[in-house]
Every structure is written in structure tokens, then in C-alpha cells.
N, C-alpha and C. Protein backbone atom coordinates (compact mmCIF):
# COMPACT_ATOMS: atom_id res chain seq x y z
N ALA A 1 0.88 -0.78 -0.13
CA ALA A 1 -0.26 0.48 0.22
C ALA A 1 1.06 1.31 0.24
N VAL A 2 1.98 1.63 0.55
CA VAL A 2 3.08 2.46 0.97
C VAL A 2 2.98 2.85 -0.58
N PHE A 3 3.68 2.19 -1.58
CA PHE A 3 3.57 2.23 -2.84
C PHE A 3 2.42 2.46 -4.06
N THR A 4 1.63 1.50 -3.38
CA THR A 4 0.84 1.61 -4.71
C THR A 4 -0.41 2.45 -4.48
N LYS A 5 -1.09 3.13 -3.49
CA LYS A 5 -1.97 4.23 -3.31
C LYS A 5 -1.24 5.42 -4.09
N PRO A 6 -0.20 5.90 -3.82
CA PRO A 6 0.33 7.02 -4.28
C PRO A 6 0.16 6.71 -5.84
N LEU A 7 0.88 5.55 -6.34
CA LEU A 7 1.41 5.36 -7.66
C LEU A 7 -0.11 5.45 -8.37
N LEU A 8 -1.09 4.13 -7.54
CA LEU A 8 -2.69 3.91 -8.58
C LEU A 8 -3.03 5.57 -8.84
N LEU A 9 -3.00 6.31 -7.60
CA LEU A 9 -3.51 7.75 -7.83
C LEU A 9 -2.97 8.58 -8.67
N LEU A 10 -1.63 8.36 -8.87
CA LEU A 10 -1.09 9.05 -10.03
C LEU A 10 -1.48 8.75 -11.21
N PHE A 11 -1.45 7.64 -11.57
CA PHE A 11 -2.38 6.91 -12.57
C PHE A 11 -3.75 7.54 -12.96
N LEU A 12 -4.55 7.65 -11.80
CA LEU A 12 -5.95 8.23 -12.43
C LEU A 12 -5.32 9.72 -12.45
N PHE A 13 -4.41 10.73 -11.96
CA PHE A 13 -3.95 11.65 -11.95
C PHE A 13 -4.20 12.37 -13.75
N LEU A 14 -3.09 11.42 -14.25
CA LEU A 14 -2.99 11.17 -15.48
C LEU A 14 -3.81 11.04 -16.61
N MET A 15 -4.43 9.87 -16.07
CA MET A 15 -5.65 9.71 -17.01
C MET A 15 -6.48 11.04 -17.19
N VAL A 16 -7.07 11.67 -16.02
CA VAL A 16 -8.06 12.66 -15.99
C VAL A 16 -7.37 13.75 -16.87
N TYR A 17 -5.72 14.09 -16.72
CA TYR A 17 -4.79 14.73 -17.38
C TYR A 17 -5.11 14.64 -18.80
N SER A 18 -4.79 13.72 -19.97
CA SER A 18 -4.71 12.99 -20.45
C SER A 18 -6.06 13.27 -21.14
N ALA A 19 -7.46 13.01 -20.48
CA ALA A 19 -8.95 13.73 -21.08
C ALA A 19 -9.15 14.80 -21.65
N LYS A 20 -10.08 14.49 -22.47
CA LYS A 20 -10.86 15.66 -23.37
C LYS A 20 -11.04 16.42 -22.52
N ALA A 21 -11.03 18.15 -23.03
CA ALA A 21 -11.27 19.10 -21.94
C ALA A 21 -12.85 18.63 -21.31
N PHE A 22 -13.25 19.35 -19.91
CA PHE A 22 -14.40 19.27 -19.77
C PHE A 22 -14.41 20.44 -18.39
N GLN A 23 -15.46 21.04 -18.12
CA GLN A 23 -15.75 22.32 -17.62
C GLN A 23 -14.75 22.37 -16.20
N THR A 24 -15.18 21.22 -15.48
CA THR A 24 -14.38 20.87 -14.36
C THR A 24 -12.86 20.18 -13.74
N LYS A 25 -12.55 19.90 -15.32
CA LYS A 25 -11.01 19.41 -14.94
C LYS A 25 -10.17 20.12 -14.15
N THR A 26 -10.09 21.06 -14.47
CA THR A 26 -8.18 21.87 -14.05
C THR A 26 -9.01 21.48 -12.10
N LEU A 27 -10.26 21.71 -11.76
CA LEU A 27 -10.53 21.76 -10.25
C LEU A 27 -10.35 20.26 -9.66
N LEU A 28 -10.85 19.29 -10.53
CA LEU A 28 -10.45 18.04 -10.49
C LEU A 28 -8.80 17.69 -10.16
N LEU A 29 -8.39 18.06 -10.88
CA LEU A 29 -6.74 17.92 -11.08
C LEU A 29 -6.31 18.34 -10.05
N VAL A 30 -6.65 19.24 -9.28
CA VAL A 30 -6.41 19.68 -8.15
C VAL A 30 -6.67 19.01 -6.94
N ALA A 31 -7.49 18.75 -6.93
CA ALA A 31 -8.32 17.94 -5.82
C ALA A 31 -7.48 16.46 -5.58
N LEU A 32 -7.58 15.85 -7.10
CA LEU A 32 -6.38 14.79 -7.12
C LEU A 32 -4.86 14.65 -6.34
N SER A 33 -4.51 15.98 -6.84
CA SER A 33 -3.33 16.55 -6.57
C SER A 33 -3.07 16.56 -4.97
N PHE A 34 -4.22 16.82 -4.17
CA PHE A 34 -4.28 17.19 -2.73
C PHE A 34 -4.38 16.06 -2.07
N SER A 35 -5.15 14.87 -2.67
CA SER A 35 -5.63 13.76 -2.11
C SER A 35 -4.03 12.93 -2.38
N TRP A 36 -2.96 12.61 -3.81
CA TRP A 36 -1.70 12.40 -4.22
C TRP A 36 -1.26 12.79 -2.38
N LEU A 37 -1.05 14.19 -2.19
CA LEU A 37 -0.37 14.54 -1.35
C LEU A 37 -0.18 13.90 0.08
N GLY A 38 -1.61 13.66 0.33
CA GLY A 38 -2.23 13.33 1.38
C GLY A 38 -1.81 11.81 2.01
N GLU A 39 -1.83 11.27 0.70
CA GLU A 39 -1.22 9.71 0.45
C GLU A 39 0.28 9.84 1.10
N VAL A 40 0.85 10.70 -0.13
CA VAL A 40 2.39 10.66 0.46
C VAL A 40 2.80 10.74 1.92
N LEU A 41 1.86 11.49 2.02
CA LEU A 41 1.97 11.93 3.95
C LEU A 41 2.17 11.25 4.94
N LEU A 42 0.78 10.34 4.71
CA LEU A 42 0.10 9.24 5.39
C LEU A 42 1.20 8.28 5.60
N ILE A 43 2.47 8.22 4.43
CA ILE A 43 3.31 6.94 4.28
C ILE A 43 4.27 7.25 5.54
N PHE A 44 4.44 8.85 6.09
CA PHE A 44 5.42 9.13 7.05
C PHE A 44 4.71 8.83 8.45
N THR A 45 3.75 8.72 8.85
CA THR A 45 2.94 8.64 10.05
C THR A 45 3.97 7.61 11.11
N GLU A 46 4.16 6.56 10.74
CA GLU A 46 4.85 5.76 11.62
C GLU A 46 6.29 6.55 12.61
N TYR A 47 7.09 7.82 11.52
CA TYR A 47 7.80 8.19 11.66
C TYR A 47 7.56 9.25 12.96
N ASP A 48 6.44 9.79 12.41
CA ASP A 48 5.90 11.26 13.18
C ASP A 48 4.27 11.85 12.86
N GLN A 49 3.95 11.63 14.08
CA GLN A 49 2.40 11.76 14.13
C GLN A 49 1.66 13.21 13.71
N ASN A 50 2.91 14.29 12.98
CA ASN A 50 2.18 15.64 12.09
C ASN A 50 2.29 15.31 11.21
N PHE A 51 2.72 13.88 10.55
CA PHE A 51 2.50 13.56 9.18
C PHE A 51 1.24 13.07 9.18
N PHE A 52 0.33 12.47 9.83
CA PHE A 52 -0.87 12.23 9.62
C PHE A 52 -1.65 13.23 9.86
N ILE A 53 -1.40 14.49 10.66
CA ILE A 53 -2.19 15.85 10.80
C ILE A 53 -2.08 16.37 9.08
N LEU A 54 -0.97 16.51 8.54
CA LEU A 54 -1.17 17.04 7.19
C LEU A 54 -1.07 16.34 6.40
N GLY A 55 -1.61 14.94 6.15
CA GLY A 55 -2.10 14.45 5.72
C GLY A 55 -3.81 14.73 5.21
N LEU A 56 -3.67 14.66 6.86
CA LEU A 56 -5.33 15.11 7.04
C LEU A 56 -6.10 16.41 6.52
N ILE A 57 -5.01 17.29 7.06
CA ILE A 57 -5.39 18.73 6.23
C ILE A 57 -5.03 18.48 4.31
N SER A 58 -4.57 17.93 4.04
CA SER A 58 -4.52 17.54 2.60
C SER A 58 -5.75 17.06 1.86
N PHE A 59 -6.35 16.28 2.56
CA PHE A 59 -7.84 15.10 2.21
C PHE A 59 -8.41 16.21 2.68
N LEU A 60 -8.41 17.31 3.55
CA LEU A 60 -9.47 18.14 4.11
C LEU A 60 -10.07 19.12 3.08
N ILE A 61 -8.71 19.67 2.69
CA ILE A 61 -8.66 20.51 1.10
C ILE A 61 -9.02 19.80 -0.56
N SER A 62 -8.86 18.59 -0.53
CA SER A 62 -9.21 18.24 -1.60
C SER A 62 -10.65 17.65 -1.57
N HIS A 63 -11.51 17.40 -0.19
CA HIS A 63 -12.57 17.20 0.09
C HIS A 63 -13.18 18.59 -0.45
N VAL A 64 -13.07 19.29 -0.08
CA VAL A 64 -13.81 21.50 -0.17
C VAL A 64 -13.43 21.41 -1.97
N LEU A 65 -12.34 20.89 -2.33
CA LEU A 65 -12.30 20.91 -3.92
C LEU A 65 -13.60 20.08 -4.54
N TYR A 66 -13.76 18.96 -3.94
CA TYR A 66 -14.99 18.21 -4.43
C TYR A 66 -16.09 18.67 -4.49
N ILE A 67 -16.78 19.26 -3.20
CA ILE A 67 -17.81 19.59 -2.83
C ILE A 67 -17.99 21.32 -3.82
N LEU A 68 -17.45 21.88 -4.11
CA LEU A 68 -16.99 22.54 -5.15
C LEU A 68 -16.78 22.16 -6.58
N LEU A 69 -16.81 21.40 -6.62
CA LEU A 69 -16.65 20.58 -8.18
C LEU A 69 -17.68 19.71 -8.06
N PHE A 70 -18.56 19.43 -7.61
CA PHE A 70 -20.10 19.43 -7.83
C PHE A 70 -21.11 20.11 -7.51
N ASN A 71 -20.68 21.01 -6.91
CA ASN A 71 -21.60 22.26 -6.66
C ASN A 71 -21.22 23.12 -8.23
N LYS A 72 -20.40 22.67 -9.19
CA LYS A 72 -20.52 22.93 -10.03
C LYS A 72 -21.03 22.83 -11.48
N GLN A 73 -21.56 21.32 -11.49
CA GLN A 73 -22.19 20.51 -12.50
C GLN A 73 -23.55 21.06 -12.19
N VAL A 74 -24.03 21.43 -13.40
CA VAL A 74 -25.53 21.77 -14.21
C VAL A 74 -26.56 20.18 -14.00
N ALA A 75 -27.72 21.39 -12.67
CA ALA A 75 -28.92 20.51 -12.19
C ALA A 75 -29.78 20.08 -13.79
N SER A 76 -29.93 18.73 -14.31
CA SER A 76 -30.23 18.49 -14.86
C SER A 76 -31.97 18.11 -14.73
N LYS A 77 -32.51 18.12 -13.70
CA LYS A 77 -33.75 17.71 -13.20
C LYS A 77 -33.91 18.52 -12.03
N PRO A 78 -35.58 18.80 -11.49
CA PRO A 78 -35.62 19.61 -10.09
C PRO A 78 -35.25 17.79 -8.72
N MET A 79 -34.95 19.07 -7.56
CA MET A 79 -34.29 18.20 -6.94
C MET A 79 -35.29 17.47 -5.85
N ASP A 80 -35.61 16.35 -5.25
CA ASP A 80 -36.49 15.96 -4.56
C ASP A 80 -36.17 16.16 -3.34
N LYS A 81 -36.82 16.95 -2.25
CA LYS A 81 -36.49 17.73 -1.20
C LYS A 81 -36.53 16.91 -0.18
N GLY A 82 -38.20 15.98 -0.16
CA GLY A 82 -38.04 14.88 0.82
C GLY A 82 -36.87 14.03 0.60
N LEU A 83 -35.89 13.39 -0.54
CA LEU A 83 -35.24 12.53 -0.71
C LEU A 83 -33.90 13.21 -0.11
N MET A 84 -33.72 14.17 -0.31
CA MET A 84 -32.57 15.49 -0.23
C MET A 84 -32.35 15.43 1.66
N ALA A 85 -33.36 15.64 1.72
CA ALA A 85 -33.84 16.07 3.76
C ALA A 85 -33.14 14.51 4.46
N LEU A 86 -34.15 13.35 3.47
CA LEU A 86 -33.69 12.55 4.00
C LEU A 86 -32.07 11.84 3.89
N GLY A 87 -31.56 11.69 2.79
CA GLY A 87 -30.08 11.83 2.49
C GLY A 87 -29.24 12.43 3.77
N VAL A 88 -29.54 13.99 3.82
CA VAL A 88 -28.82 14.66 5.21
C VAL A 88 -29.05 14.32 6.38
N PHE A 89 -30.15 13.65 6.84
CA PHE A 89 -30.62 12.85 8.05
C PHE A 89 -29.48 11.94 8.18
N PHE A 90 -29.68 10.90 7.00
CA PHE A 90 -29.05 9.64 7.27
C PHE A 90 -27.22 10.06 7.51
N VAL A 91 -26.74 10.75 6.57
CA VAL A 91 -25.48 11.27 6.88
C VAL A 91 -25.04 11.85 8.40
N ALA A 92 -26.12 12.72 8.83
CA ALA A 92 -25.83 13.36 10.14
C ALA A 92 -25.84 12.69 10.95
N GLY A 93 -26.76 11.74 11.13
CA GLY A 93 -26.97 10.08 11.84
C GLY A 93 -25.78 9.32 12.04
N TYR A 94 -25.04 9.26 11.08
CA TYR A 94 -23.93 8.09 10.46
C TYR A 94 -22.84 9.21 11.13
N LEU A 95 -23.19 10.19 11.09
CA LEU A 95 -21.63 11.43 11.54
C LEU A 95 -21.61 10.91 13.41
N THR A 96 -22.83 11.21 13.27
CA THR A 96 -23.16 11.70 15.44
C THR A 96 -22.23 10.00 15.63
N ILE A 97 -22.75 9.08 15.29
CA ILE A 97 -22.80 7.77 16.10
C ILE A 97 -21.37 7.00 15.67
N PHE A 98 -20.35 7.62 14.90
CA PHE A 98 -19.29 7.30 14.22
C PHE A 98 -18.45 8.38 15.62
N LEU A 99 -18.86 9.54 15.45
CA LEU A 99 -17.97 10.60 16.29
C LEU A 99 -17.94 10.03 17.32
N THR A 100 -19.18 9.91 18.27
CA THR A 100 -19.53 9.77 19.46
C THR A 100 -18.86 8.22 19.72
N THR A 101 -18.99 7.37 18.90
CA THR A 101 -17.74 6.05 19.50
C THR A 101 -16.33 6.19 19.35
N ILE A 102 -16.00 7.28 18.38
CA ILE A 102 -14.32 7.43 18.86
C ILE A 102 -13.32 8.24 19.31
N LEU A 103 -14.69 9.29 19.73
CA LEU A 103 -14.29 10.25 20.16
C LEU A 103 -13.74 10.43 21.53
N PRO A 104 -13.73 9.24 22.16
CA PRO A 104 -13.13 9.26 23.51
C PRO A 104 -11.60 8.38 23.33
N TYR A 105 -11.38 8.35 22.14
CA TYR A 105 -10.17 7.51 21.87
C TYR A 105 -8.84 8.74 20.78
N LEU A 106 -9.26 9.69 20.53
CA LEU A 106 -8.91 10.56 19.41
C LEU A 106 -7.94 11.70 20.49
N GLY A 107 -7.78 11.83 21.50
CA GLY A 107 -6.69 12.74 21.97
C GLY A 107 -6.91 13.68 22.13
N ALA A 108 -5.90 14.34 21.53
CA ALA A 108 -5.45 15.81 21.19
C ALA A 108 -6.17 16.24 19.40
N LEU A 109 -6.72 14.58 19.10
CA LEU A 109 -6.86 14.85 17.95
C LEU A 109 -8.62 15.26 17.43
N LYS A 110 -9.11 15.18 18.95
CA LYS A 110 -10.93 15.53 18.49
C LYS A 110 -11.15 16.25 17.84
N ILE A 111 -10.85 17.76 17.69
CA ILE A 111 -11.06 19.08 16.91
C ILE A 111 -10.59 18.43 15.46
N PRO A 112 -9.49 18.08 15.13
CA PRO A 112 -9.40 17.95 13.85
C PRO A 112 -10.03 16.61 12.99
N VAL A 113 -10.14 15.79 13.59
CA VAL A 113 -10.82 14.61 13.46
C VAL A 113 -12.33 15.03 13.05
N ILE A 114 -13.15 15.90 14.20
CA ILE A 114 -14.83 16.50 13.82
C ILE A 114 -14.48 17.24 13.02
N VAL A 115 -13.40 18.37 12.94
CA VAL A 115 -13.56 19.43 11.30
C VAL A 115 -13.77 18.39 10.01
N TYR A 116 -12.98 17.00 10.22
CA TYR A 116 -12.84 16.50 8.94
C TYR A 116 -14.14 16.01 8.97
N GLY A 117 -14.61 15.62 9.69
CA GLY A 117 -15.42 14.49 9.81
C GLY A 117 -16.96 14.86 9.30
N LEU A 118 -16.90 16.75 9.83
CA LEU A 118 -17.99 17.47 9.43
C LEU A 118 -17.73 17.85 7.62
N VAL A 119 -16.64 17.98 7.23
CA VAL A 119 -16.28 18.65 5.77
C VAL A 119 -16.52 16.94 4.87
N ILE A 120 -16.08 16.01 5.27
CA ILE A 120 -16.26 15.10 4.33
C ILE A 120 -17.94 14.47 3.98
N SER A 121 -18.52 14.76 5.43
CA SER A 121 -19.87 14.95 5.59
C SER A 121 -20.80 15.54 4.67
N LEU A 122 -20.35 16.60 4.39
CA LEU A 122 -21.00 17.82 3.85
C LEU A 122 -20.48 17.32 1.88
N MET A 123 -18.90 16.68 1.51
CA MET A 123 -19.37 16.32 0.36
C MET A 123 -20.03 14.97 0.06
N LEU A 124 -20.61 14.36 0.86
CA LEU A 124 -21.34 13.47 0.50
C LEU A 124 -22.61 13.63 0.14
N ILE A 125 -23.21 14.57 1.17
CA ILE A 125 -24.33 15.38 0.98
C ILE A 125 -24.73 16.31 -0.40
N ALA A 126 -23.07 17.15 -0.61
CA ALA A 126 -23.40 17.51 -2.20
C ALA A 126 -23.45 16.51 -3.04
N ALA A 127 -22.84 15.53 -3.30
CA ALA A 127 -22.96 13.98 -3.95
C ALA A 127 -24.64 13.55 -4.11
N ILE A 128 -25.12 13.95 -2.43
CA ILE A 128 -26.84 13.07 -2.88
C ILE A 128 -27.50 14.10 -3.44
N ARG A 129 -26.96 15.55 -3.40
CA ARG A 129 -28.12 16.19 -3.82
C ARG A 129 -27.36 16.40 -5.32
N GLY A 130 -26.22 16.24 -5.89
CA GLY A 130 -26.10 15.57 -7.03
C GLY A 130 -26.70 14.63 -7.69
N ALA A 131 -26.95 13.61 -7.08
CA ALA A 131 -27.65 12.60 -7.36
C ALA A 131 -29.21 12.73 -7.56
N LEU A 132 -29.65 13.79 -6.77
CA LEU A 132 -30.72 13.72 -7.39
C LEU A 132 -31.16 14.75 -8.45
N VAL A 133 -29.76 15.88 -8.95
CA VAL A 133 -30.48 16.69 -10.34
C VAL A 133 -29.54 16.55 -10.97
N TRP A 134 -28.73 15.62 -11.10
CA TRP A 134 -27.75 15.43 -12.56
C TRP A 134 -28.44 14.65 -13.16
N GLN A 135 -27.56 14.49 -14.42
CA GLN A 135 -28.30 13.62 -15.52
C GLN A 135 -27.71 12.05 -14.96
N GLN A 136 -28.59 11.01 -15.68
CA GLN A 136 -28.08 9.60 -14.88
C GLN A 136 -26.65 9.22 -15.37
N ASN A 137 -26.51 8.29 -14.84
CA ASN A 137 -24.80 7.81 -15.21
C ASN A 137 -23.87 8.10 -14.13
N ALA A 138 -23.56 9.65 -14.58
CA ALA A 138 -22.48 10.31 -13.51
C ALA A 138 -22.84 10.70 -12.05
N ASN A 139 -24.20 11.26 -12.01
CA ASN A 139 -24.99 10.86 -10.41
C ASN A 139 -24.47 9.88 -9.84
N ALA A 140 -24.77 8.45 -9.75
CA ALA A 140 -24.85 7.10 -9.63
C ALA A 140 -23.22 6.93 -9.31
N LEU A 141 -21.95 7.49 -9.94
CA LEU A 141 -21.16 6.96 -9.57
C LEU A 141 -20.37 7.99 -8.71
N LEU A 142 -20.67 9.02 -9.26
CA LEU A 142 -20.68 10.20 -8.11
C LEU A 142 -20.80 10.11 -6.41
N LEU A 143 -22.08 9.35 -6.28
CA LEU A 143 -22.55 9.62 -4.98
C LEU A 143 -22.00 7.97 -4.73
N PHE A 144 -21.80 7.07 -5.05
CA PHE A 144 -20.83 5.65 -4.72
C PHE A 144 -20.06 6.28 -4.75
N GLY A 145 -18.92 7.11 -5.14
CA GLY A 145 -17.67 7.84 -4.98
C GLY A 145 -17.50 8.18 -4.05
N ALA A 146 -18.31 9.04 -3.24
CA ALA A 146 -18.32 9.72 -2.03
C ALA A 146 -18.95 8.66 -0.65
N THR A 147 -19.90 7.91 -0.93
CA THR A 147 -19.86 7.00 -0.06
C THR A 147 -18.74 6.01 -0.19
N ALA A 148 -18.19 5.77 -0.98
CA ALA A 148 -16.97 4.69 -0.36
C ALA A 148 -16.30 5.70 0.22
N PHE A 149 -15.80 6.88 -0.26
CA PHE A 149 -15.13 7.70 0.55
C PHE A 149 -15.30 7.78 2.16
N VAL A 150 -16.59 7.91 2.46
CA VAL A 150 -16.92 8.02 3.48
C VAL A 150 -16.68 6.65 4.41
N ALA A 151 -16.86 5.54 3.68
CA ALA A 151 -16.59 4.43 4.08
C ALA A 151 -15.14 4.08 4.70
N SER A 152 -14.03 4.56 3.57
CA SER A 152 -12.59 4.61 3.85
C SER A 152 -11.66 4.97 4.90
N ASP A 153 -12.30 6.28 5.06
CA ASP A 153 -11.96 6.90 5.59
C ASP A 153 -12.78 6.66 7.41
N SER A 154 -13.86 6.08 7.15
CA SER A 154 -14.13 5.52 8.34
C SER A 154 -13.66 4.37 8.90
N ILE A 155 -13.51 3.52 7.96
CA ILE A 155 -12.49 2.07 8.59
C ILE A 155 -11.62 2.82 8.63
N LEU A 156 -10.41 3.64 8.19
CA LEU A 156 -9.46 4.01 8.66
C LEU A 156 -9.46 4.58 10.20
N ALA A 157 -10.18 5.25 10.25
CA ALA A 157 -10.27 5.80 11.66
C ALA A 157 -10.69 5.16 12.85
N PHE A 158 -11.42 4.01 12.44
CA PHE A 158 -11.64 2.95 13.31
C PHE A 158 -10.80 2.11 13.81
N ASN A 159 -10.21 2.13 12.55
CA ASN A 159 -8.80 1.16 12.97
C ASN A 159 -7.77 1.77 13.56
N LYS A 160 -7.51 2.61 13.42
CA LYS A 160 -6.70 3.47 13.80
C LYS A 160 -6.65 4.02 15.43
N PHE A 161 -7.96 4.50 15.24
CA PHE A 161 -8.43 4.72 16.88
C PHE A 161 -9.04 3.89 17.72
N TYR A 162 -9.95 3.37 17.38
CA TYR A 162 -10.63 2.79 17.99
C TYR A 162 -10.04 1.22 18.37
N GLU A 163 -9.78 0.50 16.99
CA GLU A 163 -9.88 -1.09 17.49
C GLU A 163 -8.80 -1.44 16.23
N PRO A 164 -8.07 -1.84 15.81
CA PRO A 164 -7.39 -2.29 14.58
C PRO A 164 -7.96 -4.03 14.51
N PHE A 165 -8.21 -4.29 12.91
CA PHE A 165 -8.98 -5.07 13.03
C PHE A 165 -8.30 -5.78 11.67
N ALA A 166 -8.56 -6.98 11.09
CA ALA A 166 -7.63 -7.80 9.89
C ALA A 166 -8.29 -7.39 9.22
N PHE A 167 -7.72 -7.45 7.61
CA PHE A 167 -7.87 -7.09 6.58
C PHE A 167 -8.29 -5.40 6.73
N ALA A 168 -8.08 -4.21 7.58
CA ALA A 168 -8.46 -3.22 7.70
C ALA A 168 -7.61 -2.39 6.27
N GLY A 169 -6.98 -2.92 5.94
CA GLY A 169 -5.75 -2.15 4.84
C GLY A 169 -6.27 -1.96 3.99
N PHE A 170 -6.46 -3.45 3.73
CA PHE A 170 -6.96 -3.89 2.06
C PHE A 170 -8.31 -3.15 2.17
N LEU A 171 -9.50 -3.44 3.12
CA LEU A 171 -10.59 -2.52 3.02
C LEU A 171 -10.53 -0.76 2.62
N ILE A 172 -9.44 -0.65 3.51
CA ILE A 172 -8.93 1.09 3.25
C ILE A 172 -8.89 1.51 2.08
N MET A 173 -7.75 0.34 1.36
CA MET A 173 -7.34 0.70 0.08
C MET A 173 -8.22 0.26 -0.86
N ALA A 174 -9.20 -0.49 -1.24
CA ALA A 174 -10.37 -0.74 -1.86
C ALA A 174 -11.54 0.22 -1.81
N THR A 175 -11.89 1.08 -0.73
CA THR A 175 -12.81 2.02 -0.86
C THR A 175 -12.62 3.30 -1.07
N TYR A 176 -10.85 3.29 -1.24
CA TYR A 176 -10.85 4.40 -1.52
C TYR A 176 -10.00 4.72 -2.82
N LEU A 177 -9.97 3.81 -3.62
CA LEU A 177 -9.44 3.25 -4.86
C LEU A 177 -10.77 3.67 -5.76
N ALA A 178 -11.50 2.53 -5.21
CA ALA A 178 -13.06 2.76 -5.56
C ALA A 178 -13.34 4.26 -5.46
N ALA A 179 -13.55 4.75 -4.62
CA ALA A 179 -14.20 6.49 -4.56
C ALA A 179 -13.55 7.34 -5.49
N GLN A 180 -12.03 7.20 -5.05
CA GLN A 180 -11.61 8.12 -6.48
C GLN A 180 -11.58 7.80 -8.14
N TYR A 181 -11.64 6.57 -8.13
CA TYR A 181 -11.75 6.45 -9.42
C TYR A 181 -13.28 6.85 -10.01
N CYS A 182 -14.76 6.43 -9.09
CA CYS A 182 -15.99 7.18 -9.29
C CYS A 182 -15.98 8.50 -9.02
N ILE A 183 -15.28 9.38 -8.79
CA ILE A 183 -15.51 10.54 -8.77
C ILE A 183 -14.85 11.24 -9.77
């Protein structure tokens, strides 16, 4: 994973870079760049915990850019406000339960993890909104990608702060790569 995650993300960056022009291409490339930087920084967390914070900040910036990217997409149909409210309710409920579970184990990282959790939840909510208003195909992929990102980061946090478990690294990597590819 030390080599493959950054390398695979670099290949994804090159794939997007070589694709024909689209409205949000530059924004997507910058978001992927911050994700790549986050991956590289996380490699060094075993040497210094500050690399974890720097990686978290890089991913935080990436998620903010994904939110901007999602909000720049053109709506092709009206939004079902009831489904949107239901999506927000589920995301808020999940975030509350997850943070309640891991907060006692975060120590000095409580505030950064809460902020990160809020931002990634907003990214998922932006994807839910997109799934309700964008044209078919793209909406499902982006929603799956955003959901996979939340899953990946949740598995990572649970494994790192709460209780390590078998195959966590594989699950983190599989959901993370699926997330980046679908987005």
C-alpha cells in the first residue's frame, strides 16, 4: 500500500489529465493532487504523528474541492426535497454515531477529526444532492464514490483509533481507490 496507493492515484491523475477538456477538469486535477499529497504524507506517519495531521489537511482540502466541483455541475432535473432531507438525516446520523464511538480515543486529535468528519459529510451531502439533480450515470458514480470515501475514512479511523482489525488495510485501499475512480 505504501507504493501502490500514491502510484495508483498518480495514474488516475494522468488519466484525467489526458482526457479531453471538460468544465471542471482543472478543479478535479487540483483535488486529486491534494489527495495524492495526503497519501504521500500518510506514508510517514509511523515516523512522526505530524504527518498524519498534514495528510488529514491535504485530504480536507481535497474534499472541499470536491464539494466545489459537485456544486459546479449543472442540474438537469428538479430536486426531490424529501429525498434530500432523508439523505442529510442519514449522513448526520452516521456522523453522530461514528464520532460518538471514536471521540473518547482521539486525544489531541478530537477537533481535527471532528472538522474532517464534518467536511467529508458535507462532501457526501453534495453528492447526494447531485444524485438527485444530475443526469443519469454520472450521478450514481459520484454518489458511490463519495459514499466509498466516507467508508474508507471511517474504516481508517476505526482501525487507527478504536480497534485494529484484520484486512483493514485492504478494505481502506479498496474503498479509497473505488472512491477516487468513481469521483
